[in-house]
Amino acid sequence: MATSRTIKNRIRSTKSIQQITKAMQAVSAVKMRKSESAAITSRPYAISALEILKNIRQAMKEEDLQYSKLTRENKVKKICLVVVTSDKGLAGSFNTNVLKRAQQFIKSHTGEQYDNVKVDIVAVGKRGRDFLKKRGLTIIDEFLGSGDFVTTAETLPISFLLHEQFLKNEYDEVTIIYTNFISAMKQNVVVRKILPVTPKALEEITKHIIPEHGLYAGMPQAVDNAIAPSSIVRQYIYEPSPAIVLDKLIKTLVDIEVHQSILEANASEHSSRMIAMKSASDNAKELIGDLRITYNKVRQAQITKELTEISAGAEALA
């Protein structure tokens, strides 16, 4: 059995860990509220952009749509996969779930049975970069520090890289994997194609915009209006040309969706870390209680032993 001094040292070290986890929980709670607010308040803007794109697509002829490379679907030979993880650990299963889904995606799109499609990675977050690099995957670019991104200026380099690579025909498809924020207790990993932009892709985008609870929980009607065909087709005059206007709008939409995905992932990361640190603090508290009981038992045994030795000595002298 451990000595009382050893148990006291374990109690002291566990208390120190508990203080650290409580502090991390408080910091994550503040960051989560900030990221959640940024993610949720930007959702109506994303829906408005989708509605504008829907109106323009309906007003344009099919041959005009084919002019835009960002809407043209080709046979998929190369895929750019954007994997959004965190830079730091201690976030529960946040990174594990994303990386597991990324591995499943890569496995389901590569190999002879899939015509040897090549998948390259854009790593957003240090954890994902290190994990995928160790497995021999090609990392074409990396973006670190995204856990504190809140403005579009901070996420524009990511979206710019994606549509520029797509326009150069470097990739036939761009897909993003991130964690969608639903509530503080629930987050889902989402796999979504963002390029080329198609009606099906727009439905996938809007499907993950609606929160289950809170101020914007009543957005389904707005989303339905944004993606559903409308009997009223607005007439537009295009300057300089429909293709250029559509390309500009789609680029803006991609910027918005990448930004929205990063915000959702940030809120999910801080929420997951807050829950993980709360569990760690509760476990530390429980462990301290168990150690105190053990300490009292050891101390009681020592006192009993000492009393027995004193009594035995007294009897011997008598």
C-alpha atoms as a PDB file:
ATOM      1  CA  MET A   1       0.000   0.000   0.000  1.00  0.00           C
ATOM      2  CA  ALA A   2       1.219   3.524  -0.793  1.00  0.00           C
ATOM      3  CA  THR A   3       2.475   5.671   2.053  1.00  0.00           C
ATOM      4  CA  SER A   4       0.542   8.685   3.318  1.00  0.00           C
ATOM      5  CA  ARG A   5       3.181  11.039   1.903  1.00  0.00           C
ATOM      6  CA  THR A   6       2.816   9.504  -1.576  1.00  0.00           C
ATOM      7  CA  ILE A   7      -0.961   9.834  -1.433  1.00  0.00           C
ATOM      8  CA  LYS A   8      -0.714  13.477  -0.279  1.00  0.00           C
ATOM      9  CA  ASN A   9       1.568  14.220  -3.247  1.00  0.00           C
ATOM     10  CA  ARG A  10      -0.956  12.618  -5.607  1.00  0.00           C
ATOM     11  CA  ILE A  11      -3.753  14.699  -4.106  1.00  0.00           C
ATOM     12  CA  ARG A  12      -1.674  17.859  -4.517  1.00  0.00           C
ATOM     13  CA  SER A  13      -0.811  17.089  -8.169  1.00  0.00           C
ATOM     14  CA  THR A  14      -4.429  16.173  -8.978  1.00  0.00           C
ATOM     15  CA  LYS A  15      -5.585  19.490  -7.524  1.00  0.00           C
ATOM     16  CA  SER A  16      -3.109  21.314  -9.759  1.00  0.00           C
ATOM     17  CA  ILE A  17      -4.434  19.463 -12.814  1.00  0.00           C
ATOM     18  CA  GLN A  18      -7.996  20.308 -11.769  1.00  0.00           C
ATOM     19  CA  GLN A  19      -7.150  24.012 -11.612  1.00  0.00           C
ATOM     20  CA  ILE A  20      -5.678  23.847 -15.118  1.00  0.00           C
ATOM     21  CA  THR A  21      -8.681  22.016 -16.585  1.00  0.00           C
ATOM     22  CA  LYS A  22     -11.103  24.468 -14.936  1.00  0.00           C
ATOM     23  CA  ALA A  23      -9.192  27.394 -16.424  1.00  0.00           C
ATOM     24  CA  MET A  24      -9.196  25.758 -19.877  1.00  0.00           C
ATOM     25  CA  GLN A  25     -12.911  25.085 -19.547  1.00  0.00           C
ATOM     26  CA  ALA A  26     -13.589  28.754 -18.792  1.00  0.00           C
ATOM     27  CA  VAL A  27     -11.441  29.943 -21.723  1.00  0.00           C
ATOM     28  CA  SER A  28     -13.104  27.477 -24.114  1.00  0.00           C
ATOM     29  CA  ALA A  29     -16.562  28.598 -22.956  1.00  0.00           C
ATOM     30  CA  VAL A  30     -15.753  32.221 -23.803  1.00  0.00           C
ATOM     31  CA  LYS A  31     -14.269  31.289 -27.198  1.00  0.00           C
ATOM     32  CA  MET A  32     -17.206  29.009 -27.961  1.00  0.00           C
ATOM     33  CA  ARG A  33     -19.742  31.777 -27.364  1.00  0.00           C
ATOM     34  CA  LYS A  34     -17.744  34.112 -29.594  1.00  0.00           C
ATOM     35  CA  SER A  35     -17.368  31.544 -32.386  1.00  0.00           C
ATOM     36  CA  GLU A  36     -20.996  30.416 -32.074  1.00  0.00           C
ATOM     37  CA  SER A  37     -22.231  33.975 -32.394  1.00  0.00           C
ATOM     38  CA  ALA A  38     -20.064  34.572 -35.482  1.00  0.00           C
ATOM     39  CA  ALA A  39     -21.163  31.292 -37.094  1.00  0.00           C
ATOM     40  CA  ILE A  40     -24.885  31.705 -36.476  1.00  0.00           C
ATOM     41  CA  THR A  41     -25.142  35.387 -37.391  1.00  0.00           C
ATOM     42  CA  SER A  42     -23.416  34.760 -40.745  1.00  0.00           C
ATOM     43  CA  ARG A  43     -25.915  32.057 -41.775  1.00  0.00           C
ATOM     44  CA  PRO A  44     -28.636  34.456 -43.076  1.00  0.00           C
ATOM     45  CA  TYR A  45     -25.991  36.107 -45.289  1.00  0.00           C
ATOM     46  CA  ALA A  46     -25.101  32.721 -46.770  1.00  0.00           C
ATOM     47  CA  ILE A  47     -28.778  32.017 -47.458  1.00  0.00           C
ATOM     48  CA  SER A  48     -29.201  35.383 -49.217  1.00  0.00           C
ATOM     49  CA  ALA A  49     -26.205  34.618 -51.440  1.00  0.00           C
ATOM     50  CA  LEU A  50     -27.736  31.254 -52.341  1.00  0.00           C
ATOM     51  CA  GLU A  51     -31.037  32.914 -53.241  1.00  0.00           C
ATOM     52  CA  ILE A  52     -29.304  35.417 -55.542  1.00  0.00           C
ATOM     53  CA  LEU A  53     -27.399  32.584 -57.223  1.00  0.00           C
ATOM     54  CA  LYS A  54     -30.648  30.645 -57.692  1.00  0.00           C
ATOM     55  CA  ASN A  55     -32.302  33.623 -59.387  1.00  0.00           C
ATOM     56  CA  ILE A  56     -29.365  34.173 -61.740  1.00  0.00           C
ATOM     57  CA  ARG A  57     -29.186  30.480 -62.651  1.00  0.00           C
ATOM     58  CA  GLN A  58     -32.884  30.450 -63.503  1.00  0.00           C
ATOM     59  CA  ALA A  59     -32.584  33.583 -65.614  1.00  0.00           C
ATOM     60  CA  MET A  60     -29.593  32.306 -67.625  1.00  0.00           C
ATOM     61  CA  LYS A  61     -29.705  29.928 -70.554  1.00  0.00           C
ATOM     62  CA  GLU A  62     -28.132  26.496 -70.244  1.00  0.00           C
ATOM     63  CA  GLU A  63     -25.420  27.348 -72.769  1.00  0.00           C
ATOM     64  CA  ASP A  64     -24.518  30.443 -70.711  1.00  0.00           C
ATOM     65  CA  LEU A  65     -24.108  28.261 -67.642  1.00  0.00           C
ATOM     66  CA  GLN A  66     -21.654  26.057 -69.496  1.00  0.00           C
ATOM     67  CA  TYR A  67     -19.368  29.040 -70.010  1.00  0.00           C
ATOM     68  CA  SER A  68     -18.508  29.043 -66.344  1.00  0.00           C
ATOM     69  CA  LYS A  69     -15.776  26.580 -65.389  1.00  0.00           C
ATOM     70  CA  LEU A  70     -16.951  26.709 -61.781  1.00  0.00           C
ATOM     71  CA  THR A  71     -20.271  25.036 -62.698  1.00  0.00           C
ATOM     72  CA  ARG A  72     -18.949  22.556 -65.252  1.00  0.00           C
ATOM     73  CA  GLU A  73     -18.824  18.920 -64.169  1.00  0.00           C
ATOM     74  CA  ASN A  74     -16.028  16.778 -65.603  1.00  0.00           C
ATOM     75  CA  LYS A  75     -14.941  13.213 -65.033  1.00  0.00           C
ATOM     76  CA  VAL A  76     -13.290  13.154 -61.626  1.00  0.00           C
ATOM     77  CA  LYS A  77      -9.597  12.248 -61.786  1.00  0.00           C
ATOM     78  CA  LYS A  78      -8.172  14.497 -59.072  1.00  0.00           C
ATOM     79  CA  ILE A  79      -9.879  15.725 -55.889  1.00  0.00           C
ATOM     80  CA  CYS A  80      -8.792  18.494 -53.561  1.00  0.00           C
ATOM     81  CA  LEU A  81      -9.883  17.585 -50.034  1.00  0.00           C
ATOM     82  CA  VAL A  82      -9.991  20.347 -47.412  1.00  0.00           C
ATOM     83  CA  VAL A  83      -9.686  18.876 -43.903  1.00  0.00           C
ATOM     84  CA  VAL A  84     -10.554  21.268 -41.057  1.00  0.00           C
ATOM     85  CA  THR A  85      -9.116  20.305 -37.664  1.00  0.00           C
ATOM     86  CA  SER A  86      -7.681  22.206 -34.690  1.00  0.00           C
ATOM     87  CA  ASP A  87      -4.134  23.314 -33.946  1.00  0.00           C
ATOM     88  CA  LYS A  88      -4.310  22.117 -30.349  1.00  0.00           C
ATOM     89  CA  GLY A  89      -5.397  18.910 -28.673  1.00  0.00           C
ATOM     90  CA  LEU A  90      -7.452  18.244 -25.537  1.00  0.00           C
ATOM     91  CA  ALA A  91     -10.642  18.697 -27.554  1.00  0.00           C
ATOM     92  CA  GLY A  92     -12.247  15.332 -26.945  1.00  0.00           C
ATOM     93  CA  SER A  93     -13.145  13.439 -30.122  1.00  0.00           C
ATOM     94  CA  PHE A  94     -13.256  16.581 -32.292  1.00  0.00           C
ATOM     95  CA  ASN A  95     -10.142  15.845 -34.370  1.00  0.00           C
ATOM     96  CA  THR A  96     -10.545  12.073 -34.252  1.00  0.00           C
ATOM     97  CA  ASN A  97     -13.993  12.181 -35.861  1.00  0.00           C
ATOM     98  CA  VAL A  98     -12.882  14.513 -38.665  1.00  0.00           C
ATOM     99  CA  LEU A  99      -9.742  12.510 -39.475  1.00  0.00           C
ATOM    100  CA  LYS A 100     -11.633   9.228 -39.388  1.00  0.00           C
ATOM    101  CA  ARG A 101     -14.135  10.606 -41.905  1.00  0.00           C
ATOM    102  CA  ALA A 102     -11.267  11.947 -44.042  1.00  0.00           C
ATOM    103  CA  GLN A 103      -9.671   8.493 -44.151  1.00  0.00           C
ATOM    104  CA  GLN A 104     -13.010   6.948 -45.118  1.00  0.00           C
ATOM    105  CA  PHE A 105     -13.428   9.504 -47.916  1.00  0.00           C
ATOM    106  CA  ILE A 106      -9.928   8.881 -49.277  1.00  0.00           C
ATOM    107  CA  LYS A 107     -10.376   5.107 -49.122  1.00  0.00           C
ATOM    108  CA  SER A 108     -13.730   5.307 -50.917  1.00  0.00           C
ATOM    109  CA  HIS A 109     -12.359   7.478 -53.747  1.00  0.00           C
ATOM    110  CA  THR A 110      -8.977   5.909 -54.470  1.00  0.00           C
ATOM    111  CA  GLY A 111      -7.819   2.531 -55.725  1.00  0.00           C
ATOM    112  CA  GLU A 112      -8.273   0.590 -58.941  1.00  0.00           C
ATOM    113  CA  GLN A 113     -11.999   0.120 -58.406  1.00  0.00           C
ATOM    114  CA  TYR A 114     -12.341   3.926 -58.486  1.00  0.00           C
ATOM    115  CA  ASP A 115     -10.117   4.466 -61.551  1.00  0.00           C
ATOM    116  CA  ASN A 116      -7.193   5.474 -59.318  1.00  0.00           C
ATOM    117  CA  VAL A 117      -8.594   8.901 -58.451  1.00  0.00           C
ATOM    118  CA  LYS A 118      -5.906  11.032 -56.801  1.00  0.00           C
ATOM    119  CA  VAL A 119      -6.741  12.939 -53.608  1.00  0.00           C
ATOM    120  CA  ASP A 120      -4.609  15.880 -52.424  1.00  0.00           C
ATOM    121  CA  ILE A 121      -5.056  17.610 -49.090  1.00  0.00           C
ATOM    122  CA  VAL A 122      -5.441  21.218 -48.004  1.00  0.00           C
ATOM    123  CA  ALA A 123      -4.888  21.033 -44.251  1.00  0.00           C
ATOM    124  CA  VAL A 124      -6.615  23.624 -42.087  1.00  0.00           C
ATOM    125  CA  GLY A 125      -5.224  22.987 -38.622  1.00  0.00           C
ATOM    126  CA  LYS A 126      -1.992  21.480 -37.319  1.00  0.00           C
ATOM    127  CA  ARG A 127      -3.529  18.245 -36.022  1.00  0.00           C
ATOM    128  CA  GLY A 128      -4.911  17.249 -39.397  1.00  0.00           C
ATOM    129  CA  ARG A 129      -1.725  18.259 -41.210  1.00  0.00           C
ATOM    130  CA  ASP A 130       0.519  16.143 -38.970  1.00  0.00           C
ATOM    131  CA  PHE A 131      -1.816  13.130 -39.027  1.00  0.00           C
ATOM    132  CA  LEU A 132      -2.258  13.030 -42.805  1.00  0.00           C
ATOM    133  CA  LYS A 133       1.377  13.822 -43.581  1.00  0.00           C
ATOM    134  CA  LYS A 134       2.513  10.830 -41.502  1.00  0.00           C
ATOM    135  CA  ARG A 135       0.326   8.618 -43.695  1.00  0.00           C
ATOM    136  CA  GLY A 136       2.085   9.721 -46.855  1.00  0.00           C
ATOM    137  CA  LEU A 137      -0.685  11.914 -48.286  1.00  0.00           C
ATOM    138  CA  THR A 138       0.130  14.954 -50.422  1.00  0.00           C
ATOM    139  CA  ILE A 139      -0.402  18.244 -48.557  1.00  0.00           C
ATOM    140  CA  ILE A 140      -0.542  20.994 -51.171  1.00  0.00           C
ATOM    141  CA  ASP A 141      -1.014  23.778 -48.598  1.00  0.00           C
ATOM    142  CA  GLU A 142      -1.624  24.289 -44.898  1.00  0.00           C
ATOM    143  CA  PHE A 143      -3.356  26.999 -42.883  1.00  0.00           C
ATOM    144  CA  LEU A 144      -2.650  27.226 -39.169  1.00  0.00           C
ATOM    145  CA  GLY A 145      -4.227  29.384 -36.481  1.00  0.00           C
ATOM    146  CA  SER A 146      -7.747  28.963 -37.869  1.00  0.00           C
ATOM    147  CA  GLY A 147      -9.177  28.297 -34.403  1.00  0.00           C
ATOM    148  CA  ASP A 148      -9.416  32.034 -33.781  1.00  0.00           C
ATOM    149  CA  PHE A 149     -10.547  33.110 -37.272  1.00  0.00           C
ATOM    150  CA  VAL A 150     -13.688  35.259 -37.178  1.00  0.00           C
ATOM    151  CA  THR A 151     -13.450  37.571 -40.225  1.00  0.00           C
ATOM    152  CA  THR A 152     -13.676  36.793 -43.935  1.00  0.00           C
ATOM    153  CA  ALA A 153     -10.262  38.399 -44.492  1.00  0.00           C
ATOM    154  CA  GLU A 154      -8.716  35.591 -42.438  1.00  0.00           C
ATOM    155  CA  THR A 155     -10.354  32.814 -44.466  1.00  0.00           C
ATOM    156  CA  LEU A 156     -10.074  34.366 -47.944  1.00  0.00           C
ATOM    157  CA  PRO A 157      -6.602  32.857 -48.641  1.00  0.00           C
ATOM    158  CA  ILE A 158      -8.130  29.384 -48.240  1.00  0.00           C
ATOM    159  CA  SER A 159     -11.067  29.953 -50.595  1.00  0.00           C
ATOM    160  CA  PHE A 160      -8.849  31.831 -53.094  1.00  0.00           C
ATOM    161  CA  LEU A 161      -6.519  28.841 -53.299  1.00  0.00           C
ATOM    162  CA  LEU A 162      -9.456  26.475 -53.893  1.00  0.00           C
ATOM    163  CA  HIS A 163     -11.165  28.259 -56.774  1.00  0.00           C
ATOM    164  CA  GLU A 164      -7.844  29.216 -58.393  1.00  0.00           C
ATOM    165  CA  GLN A 165      -6.690  25.590 -58.387  1.00  0.00           C
ATOM    166  CA  PHE A 166     -10.061  24.521 -59.763  1.00  0.00           C
ATOM    167  CA  LEU A 167      -9.995  27.135 -62.530  1.00  0.00           C
ATOM    168  CA  LYS A 168      -6.496  25.991 -63.539  1.00  0.00           C
ATOM    169  CA  ASN A 169      -7.925  22.472 -63.993  1.00  0.00           C
ATOM    170  CA  GLU A 170      -5.610  21.155 -61.305  1.00  0.00           C
ATOM    171  CA  TYR A 171      -8.619  19.432 -59.729  1.00  0.00           C
ATOM    172  CA  ASP A 172     -11.960  18.202 -60.977  1.00  0.00           C
ATOM    173  CA  GLU A 173     -13.670  18.435 -57.605  1.00  0.00           C
ATOM    174  CA  VAL A 174     -13.166  20.298 -54.322  1.00  0.00           C
ATOM    175  CA  THR A 175     -14.616  18.779 -51.144  1.00  0.00           C
ATOM    176  CA  ILE A 176     -14.452  20.019 -47.572  1.00  0.00           C
ATOM    177  CA  ILE A 177     -14.668  18.004 -44.352  1.00  0.00           C
ATOM    178  CA  TYR A 178     -15.454  19.944 -41.184  1.00  0.00           C
ATOM    179  CA  THR A 179     -17.533  19.748 -38.008  1.00  0.00           C
ATOM    180  CA  ASN A 180     -20.912  21.468 -38.136  1.00  0.00           C
ATOM    181  CA  PHE A 181     -22.040  23.179 -34.930  1.00  0.00           C
ATOM    182  CA  ILE A 182     -25.564  22.159 -33.882  1.00  0.00           C
ATOM    183  CA  SER A 183     -25.500  22.886 -30.171  1.00  0.00           C
ATOM    184  CA  ALA A 184     -23.002  23.021 -27.332  1.00  0.00           C
ATOM    185  CA  MET A 185     -23.562  19.308 -26.735  1.00  0.00           C
ATOM    186  CA  LYS A 186     -23.866  18.119 -30.319  1.00  0.00           C
ATOM    187  CA  GLN A 187     -21.695  18.535 -33.416  1.00  0.00           C
ATOM    188  CA  ASN A 188     -21.707  16.542 -36.653  1.00  0.00           C
ATOM    189  CA  VAL A 189     -18.891  15.903 -39.116  1.00  0.00           C
ATOM    190  CA  VAL A 190     -19.926  17.066 -42.598  1.00  0.00           C
ATOM    191  CA  VAL A 191     -18.485  16.027 -45.980  1.00  0.00           C
ATOM    192  CA  ARG A 192     -19.540  18.497 -48.662  1.00  0.00           C
ATOM    193  CA  LYS A 193     -18.606  19.188 -52.271  1.00  0.00           C
ATOM    194  CA  ILE A 194     -18.158  22.904 -52.870  1.00  0.00           C
ATOM    195  CA  LEU A 195     -16.833  22.865 -56.453  1.00  0.00           C
ATOM    196  CA  PRO A 196     -18.157  22.560 -59.081  1.00  0.00           C
ATOM    197  CA  VAL A 197     -21.286  24.407 -57.979  1.00  0.00           C
ATOM    198  CA  THR A 198     -24.376  22.433 -59.005  1.00  0.00           C
ATOM    199  CA  PRO A 199     -28.020  22.457 -57.829  1.00  0.00           C
ATOM    200  CA  LYS A 200     -27.311  19.300 -55.816  1.00  0.00           C
ATOM    201  CA  ALA A 201     -24.259  20.937 -54.242  1.00  0.00           C
ATOM    202  CA  LEU A 202     -26.381  23.967 -53.293  1.00  0.00           C
ATOM    203  CA  GLU A 203     -28.884  21.700 -51.553  1.00  0.00           C
ATOM    204  CA  GLU A 204     -26.054  20.077 -49.592  1.00  0.00           C
ATOM    205  CA  ILE A 205     -24.721  23.489 -48.588  1.00  0.00           C
ATOM    206  CA  THR A 206     -28.056  24.774 -47.316  1.00  0.00           C
ATOM    207  CA  LYS A 207     -28.930  21.525 -45.558  1.00  0.00           C
ATOM    208  CA  HIS A 208     -26.193  22.139 -42.985  1.00  0.00           C
ATOM    209  CA  ILE A 209     -26.896  25.824 -42.387  1.00  0.00           C
ATOM    210  CA  ILE A 210     -29.978  25.413 -40.177  1.00  0.00           C
ATOM    211  CA  PRO A 211     -29.387  25.149 -36.400  1.00  0.00           C
ATOM    212  CA  GLU A 212     -31.652  22.901 -34.335  1.00  0.00           C
ATOM    213  CA  HIS A 213     -32.139  25.416 -31.538  1.00  0.00           C
ATOM    214  CA  GLY A 214     -31.835  29.132 -30.939  1.00  0.00           C
ATOM    215  CA  LEU A 215     -32.551  32.353 -32.772  1.00  0.00           C
ATOM    216  CA  TYR A 216     -32.182  30.974 -36.315  1.00  0.00           C
ATOM    217  CA  ALA A 217     -33.902  27.619 -35.797  1.00  0.00           C
ATOM    218  CA  GLY A 218     -36.804  28.878 -37.909  1.00  0.00           C
ATOM    219  CA  MET A 219     -34.731  29.226 -41.051  1.00  0.00           C
ATOM    220  CA  PRO A 220     -35.931  26.118 -42.970  1.00  0.00           C
ATOM    221  CA  GLN A 221     -38.542  28.189 -44.822  1.00  0.00           C
ATOM    222  CA  ALA A 222     -35.884  30.708 -45.827  1.00  0.00           C
ATOM    223  CA  VAL A 223     -33.619  27.909 -47.049  1.00  0.00           C
ATOM    224  CA  ASP A 224     -36.462  26.310 -49.030  1.00  0.00           C
ATOM    225  CA  ASN A 225     -37.123  29.650 -50.673  1.00  0.00           C
ATOM    226  CA  ALA A 226     -33.433  30.011 -51.487  1.00  0.00           C
ATOM    227  CA  ILE A 227     -33.032  26.681 -53.303  1.00  0.00           C
ATOM    228  CA  ALA A 228     -36.531  25.851 -54.587  1.00  0.00           C
ATOM    229  CA  PRO A 229     -37.414  26.664 -58.214  1.00  0.00           C
ATOM    230  CA  SER A 230     -39.436  29.834 -58.435  1.00  0.00           C
ATOM    231  CA  SER A 231     -42.251  30.638 -60.861  1.00  0.00           C
ATOM    232  CA  ILE A 232     -41.097  34.257 -60.888  1.00  0.00           C
ATOM    233  CA  VAL A 233     -37.869  34.652 -62.844  1.00  0.00           C
ATOM    234  CA  ARG A 234     -36.254  38.032 -62.416  1.00  0.00           C
ATOM    235  CA  GLN A 235     -34.808  39.555 -65.549  1.00  0.00           C
ATOM    236  CA  TYR A 236     -31.201  40.743 -65.289  1.00  0.00           C
ATOM    237  CA  ILE A 237     -29.036  42.842 -67.541  1.00  0.00           C
ATOM    238  CA  TYR A 238     -25.491  41.475 -67.393  1.00  0.00           C
ATOM    239  CA  GLU A 239     -22.393  43.638 -67.678  1.00  0.00           C
ATOM    240  CA  PRO A 240     -19.885  42.680 -69.007  1.00  0.00           C
ATOM    241  CA  SER A 241     -21.252  39.138 -69.645  1.00  0.00           C
ATOM    242  CA  PRO A 242     -23.350  36.448 -67.931  1.00  0.00           C
ATOM    243  CA  ALA A 243     -20.352  34.103 -67.575  1.00  0.00           C
ATOM    244  CA  ILE A 244     -18.194  36.728 -65.843  1.00  0.00           C
ATOM    245  CA  VAL A 245     -21.021  37.741 -63.507  1.00  0.00           C
ATOM    246  CA  LEU A 246     -21.726  34.108 -62.640  1.00  0.00           C
ATOM    247  CA  ASP A 247     -18.039  33.359 -62.039  1.00  0.00           C
ATOM    248  CA  LYS A 248     -17.755  36.354 -59.721  1.00  0.00           C
ATOM    249  CA  LEU A 249     -20.868  35.382 -57.812  1.00  0.00           C
ATOM    250  CA  ILE A 250     -19.792  31.746 -57.465  1.00  0.00           C
ATOM    251  CA  LYS A 251     -16.354  32.799 -56.222  1.00  0.00           C
ATOM    252  CA  THR A 252     -18.044  34.980 -53.623  1.00  0.00           C
ATOM    253  CA  LEU A 253     -20.309  32.100 -52.658  1.00  0.00           C
ATOM    254  CA  VAL A 254     -17.300  29.781 -52.258  1.00  0.00           C
ATOM    255  CA  ASP A 255     -15.650  32.436 -50.072  1.00  0.00           C
ATOM    256  CA  ILE A 256     -18.767  32.590 -47.906  1.00  0.00           C
ATOM    257  CA  GLU A 257     -19.090  28.822 -47.608  1.00  0.00           C
ATOM    258  CA  VAL A 258     -15.433  28.286 -46.697  1.00  0.00           C
ATOM    259  CA  HIS A 259     -15.707  31.075 -44.127  1.00  0.00           C
ATOM    260  CA  GLN A 260     -18.919  29.571 -42.738  1.00  0.00           C
ATOM    261  CA  SER A 261     -17.320  26.120 -42.503  1.00  0.00           C
ATOM    262  CA  ILE A 262     -14.332  27.497 -40.568  1.00  0.00           C
ATOM    263  CA  LEU A 263     -16.638  29.332 -38.153  1.00  0.00           C
ATOM    264  CA  GLU A 264     -18.735  26.202 -37.619  1.00  0.00           C
ATOM    265  CA  ALA A 265     -15.580  24.161 -36.983  1.00  0.00           C
ATOM    266  CA  ASN A 266     -14.248  26.755 -34.531  1.00  0.00           C
ATOM    267  CA  ALA A 267     -17.475  26.754 -32.522  1.00  0.00           C
ATOM    268  CA  SER A 268     -17.447  22.948 -32.511  1.00  0.00           C
ATOM    269  CA  GLU A 269     -13.788  22.801 -31.446  1.00  0.00           C
ATOM    270  CA  HIS A 270     -14.220  25.139 -28.484  1.00  0.00           C
ATOM    271  CA  SER A 271     -17.454  23.417 -27.482  1.00  0.00           C
ATOM    272  CA  SER A 272     -15.813  19.987 -27.599  1.00  0.00           C
ATOM    273  CA  ARG A 273     -12.835  21.239 -25.586  1.00  0.00           C
ATOM    274  CA  MET A 274     -15.122  22.857 -23.011  1.00  0.00           C
ATOM    275  CA  ILE A 275     -17.012  19.574 -22.519  1.00  0.00           C
ATOM    276  CA  ALA A 276     -13.755  17.586 -22.374  1.00  0.00           C
ATOM    277  CA  MET A 277     -12.256  19.920 -19.768  1.00  0.00           C
ATOM    278  CA  LYS A 278     -15.445  19.813 -17.691  1.00  0.00           C
ATOM    279  CA  SER A 279     -15.298  16.011 -17.702  1.00  0.00           C
ATOM    280  CA  ALA A 280     -11.622  16.158 -16.739  1.00  0.00           C
ATOM    281  CA  SER A 281     -12.373  18.541 -13.862  1.00  0.00           C
ATOM    282  CA  ASP A 282     -15.202  16.306 -12.622  1.00  0.00           C
ATOM    283  CA  ASN A 283     -12.976  13.231 -12.841  1.00  0.00           C
ATOM    284  CA  ALA A 284     -10.217  15.034 -10.946  1.00  0.00           C
ATOM    285  CA  LYS A 285     -12.690  15.976  -8.217  1.00  0.00           C
ATOM    286  CA  GLU A 286     -13.835  12.364  -7.947  1.00  0.00           C
ATOM    287  CA  LEU A 287     -10.247  11.116  -7.876  1.00  0.00           C
ATOM    288  CA  ILE A 288      -9.341  13.578  -5.117  1.00  0.00           C
ATOM    289  CA  GLY A 289     -12.243  12.270  -3.043  1.00  0.00           C
ATOM    290  CA  ASP A 290     -11.108   8.673  -3.520  1.00  0.00           C
ATOM    291  CA  LEU A 291      -7.516   9.590  -2.664  1.00  0.00           C
ATOM    292  CA  ARG A 292      -8.622  11.339   0.533  1.00  0.00           C
ATOM    293  CA  ILE A 293     -10.514   8.221   1.637  1.00  0.00           C
ATOM    294  CA  THR A 294      -7.435   6.112   0.902  1.00  0.00           C
ATOM    295  CA  TYR A 295      -5.239   8.602   2.764  1.00  0.00           C
ATOM    296  CA  ASN A 296      -7.499   8.466   5.810  1.00  0.00           C
ATOM    297  CA  LYS A 297      -7.429   4.670   5.775  1.00  0.00           C
ATOM    298  CA  VAL A 298      -3.621   4.598   5.523  1.00  0.00           C
ATOM    299  CA  ARG A 299      -3.274   7.211   8.247  1.00  0.00           C
ATOM    300  CA  GLN A 300      -5.695   5.291  10.505  1.00  0.00           C
ATOM    301  CA  ALA A 301      -3.716   2.089   9.923  1.00  0.00           C
ATOM    302  CA  GLN A 302      -0.479   3.860  10.846  1.00  0.00           C
ATOM    303  CA  ILE A 303      -1.975   5.273  14.065  1.00  0.00           C
ATOM    304  CA  THR A 304      -3.376   1.855  15.003  1.00  0.00           C
ATOM    305  CA  LYS A 305       0.021   0.273  14.383  1.00  0.00           C
ATOM    306  CA  GLU A 306       1.780   2.897  16.521  1.00  0.00           C
ATOM    307  CA  LEU A 307      -0.732   2.452  19.364  1.00  0.00           C
ATOM    308  CA  THR A 308      -0.274  -1.314  19.171  1.00  0.00           C
ATOM    309  CA  GLU A 309       3.506  -0.942  19.390  1.00  0.00           C
ATOM    310  CA  ILE A 310       3.195   1.416  22.406  1.00  0.00           C
ATOM    311  CA  SER A 311       0.841  -0.999  24.153  1.00  0.00           C
ATOM    312  CA  ALA A 312       3.139  -3.926  23.430  1.00  0.00           C
ATOM    313  CA  GLY A 313       6.120  -1.990  24.800  1.00  0.00           C
ATOM    314  CA  ALA A 314       4.222  -1.076  27.945  1.00  0.00           C
ATOM    315  CA  GLU A 315       3.238  -4.703  28.488  1.00  0.00           C
ATOM    316  CA  ALA A 316       6.853  -5.796  28.024  1.00  0.00           C
ATOM    317  CA  LEU A 317       8.074  -3.288  30.638  1.00  0.00           C
ATOM    318  CA  ALA A 318       5.385  -4.396  33.075  1.00  0.00           C
END
